[in-house]
Amino acid sequence: MKVKLRITRAGGSVFEGIYDVTDPENFGRACADAWGKLKQQQIETETSIGALIAHLEEDPLGGLSGVQITVEQA
């Protein structure tokens, strides 16, 4: 089944992707892909090396604080 995985924070969308999910393993891969793309976006938008290093050193789950993750059929 095709699903839309959406991550929002404070009412604004920070990530949206369409994935083919047929079992728990595929769902895990979709979530890992979304997480990787979010981290890549952070890296690409940093304005200084100091800010980049600070983000890389922070708690990996801290980036999910305050987000809402929804899954719906695409």
C-alpha atoms as a PDB file:
ATOM      1  CA  MET A   1       0.000   0.000   0.000  1.00  0.00           C
ATOM      2  CA  LYS A   2       1.231   3.501  -0.779  1.00  0.00           C
ATOM      3  CA  VAL A   3       1.265   5.755   2.271  1.00  0.00           C
ATOM      4  CA  LYS A   4       2.004   9.416   2.837  1.00  0.00           C
ATOM      5  CA  LEU A   5       4.345   9.993   5.781  1.00  0.00           C
ATOM      6  CA  ARG A   6       4.116  13.578   7.033  1.00  0.00           C
ATOM      7  CA  ILE A   7       6.089  15.241   9.819  1.00  0.00           C
ATOM      8  CA  THR A   8       4.881  18.602  11.133  1.00  0.00           C
ATOM      9  CA  ARG A   9       6.071  20.977  13.825  1.00  0.00           C
ATOM     10  CA  ALA A  10       4.028  23.885  15.187  1.00  0.00           C
ATOM     11  CA  GLY A  11       1.466  23.375  12.434  1.00  0.00           C
ATOM     12  CA  GLY A  12       4.001  23.613   9.599  1.00  0.00           C
ATOM     13  CA  SER A  13       5.123  20.712   7.447  1.00  0.00           C
ATOM     14  CA  VAL A  14       8.819  19.834   7.777  1.00  0.00           C
ATOM     15  CA  PHE A  15       8.731  16.632   5.716  1.00  0.00           C
ATOM     16  CA  GLU A  16       6.346  14.752   3.454  1.00  0.00           C
ATOM     17  CA  GLY A  17       7.024  11.629   1.435  1.00  0.00           C
ATOM     18  CA  ILE A  18       5.190   8.806  -0.336  1.00  0.00           C
ATOM     19  CA  TYR A  19       6.322   5.264   0.455  1.00  0.00           C
ATOM     20  CA  ASP A  20       5.290   1.743  -0.507  1.00  0.00           C
ATOM     21  CA  VAL A  21       4.666  -0.015   2.810  1.00  0.00           C
ATOM     22  CA  THR A  22       3.734  -3.691   2.860  1.00  0.00           C
ATOM     23  CA  ASP A  23       5.102  -4.814   6.227  1.00  0.00           C
ATOM     24  CA  PRO A  24       6.774  -3.512   9.413  1.00  0.00           C
ATOM     25  CA  GLU A  25      10.227  -3.669   7.814  1.00  0.00           C
ATOM     26  CA  ASN A  26       9.151  -1.374   4.947  1.00  0.00           C
ATOM     27  CA  PHE A  27       7.553   1.005   7.438  1.00  0.00           C
ATOM     28  CA  GLY A  28      10.797   1.126   9.427  1.00  0.00           C
ATOM     29  CA  ARG A  29      12.735   1.913   6.257  1.00  0.00           C
ATOM     30  CA  ALA A  30      10.300   4.707   5.395  1.00  0.00           C
ATOM     31  CA  CYS A  31      10.744   6.257   8.841  1.00  0.00           C
ATOM     32  CA  ALA A  32      14.536   5.935   8.618  1.00  0.00           C
ATOM     33  CA  ASP A  33      14.500   7.565   5.179  1.00  0.00           C
ATOM     34  CA  ALA A  34      12.377  10.460   6.469  1.00  0.00           C
ATOM     35  CA  TRP A  35      14.727  10.941   9.444  1.00  0.00           C
ATOM     36  CA  GLY A  36      17.772  10.914   7.179  1.00  0.00           C
ATOM     37  CA  LYS A  37      16.244  13.494   4.846  1.00  0.00           C
ATOM     38  CA  LEU A  38      15.356  15.752   7.792  1.00  0.00           C
ATOM     39  CA  LYS A  39      18.932  15.578   9.089  1.00  0.00           C
ATOM     40  CA  GLN A  40      20.268  16.286   5.586  1.00  0.00           C
ATOM     41  CA  GLN A  41      18.024  19.365   5.322  1.00  0.00           C
ATOM     42  CA  GLN A  42      19.407  20.602   8.647  1.00  0.00           C
ATOM     43  CA  ILE A  43      22.977  20.131   7.479  1.00  0.00           C
ATOM     44  CA  GLU A  44      22.353  21.934   4.196  1.00  0.00           C
ATOM     45  CA  THR A  45      20.744  24.973   5.846  1.00  0.00           C
ATOM     46  CA  GLU A  46      23.343  25.616   8.562  1.00  0.00           C
ATOM     47  CA  THR A  47      25.071  28.950   8.158  1.00  0.00           C
ATOM     48  CA  SER A  48      28.252  28.167  10.079  1.00  0.00           C
ATOM     49  CA  ILE A  49      30.472  25.223  10.917  1.00  0.00           C
ATOM     50  CA  GLY A  50      29.869  25.845  14.634  1.00  0.00           C
ATOM     51  CA  ALA A  51      26.107  25.488  14.243  1.00  0.00           C
ATOM     52  CA  LEU A  52      26.598  22.374  12.135  1.00  0.00           C
ATOM     53  CA  ILE A  53      28.804  20.730  14.764  1.00  0.00           C
ATOM     54  CA  ALA A  54      26.321  21.659  17.501  1.00  0.00           C
ATOM     55  CA  HIS A  55      23.510  19.931  15.582  1.00  0.00           C
ATOM     56  CA  LEU A  56      25.607  16.848  14.915  1.00  0.00           C
ATOM     57  CA  GLU A  57      26.485  16.542  18.606  1.00  0.00           C
ATOM     58  CA  GLU A  58      22.955  17.001  19.971  1.00  0.00           C
ATOM     59  CA  ASP A  59      20.694  14.195  21.128  1.00  0.00           C
ATOM     60  CA  PRO A  60      19.370  12.483  17.968  1.00  0.00           C
ATOM     61  CA  LEU A  61      15.851  12.227  19.386  1.00  0.00           C
ATOM     62  CA  GLY A  62      15.893  15.868  20.468  1.00  0.00           C
ATOM     63  CA  GLY A  63      15.153  16.808  16.877  1.00  0.00           C
ATOM     64  CA  LEU A  64      11.803  15.040  17.189  1.00  0.00           C
ATOM     65  CA  SER A  65      10.692  17.046  20.204  1.00  0.00           C
ATOM     66  CA  GLY A  66       7.403  18.741  19.409  1.00  0.00           C
ATOM     67  CA  VAL A  67       6.800  17.038  16.056  1.00  0.00           C
ATOM     68  CA  GLN A  68       3.687  15.228  14.945  1.00  0.00           C
ATOM     69  CA  ILE A  69       4.056  12.237  12.626  1.00  0.00           C
ATOM     70  CA  THR A  70       1.050  11.157  10.573  1.00  0.00           C
ATOM     71  CA  VAL A  71       0.566   8.291   8.146  1.00  0.00           C
ATOM     72  CA  GLU A  72      -2.304   8.137   5.698  1.00  0.00           C
ATOM     73  CA  GLN A  73      -3.120   6.153   2.604  1.00  0.00           C
ATOM     74  CA  ALA A  74      -1.809   7.850  -0.525  1.00  0.00           C
END
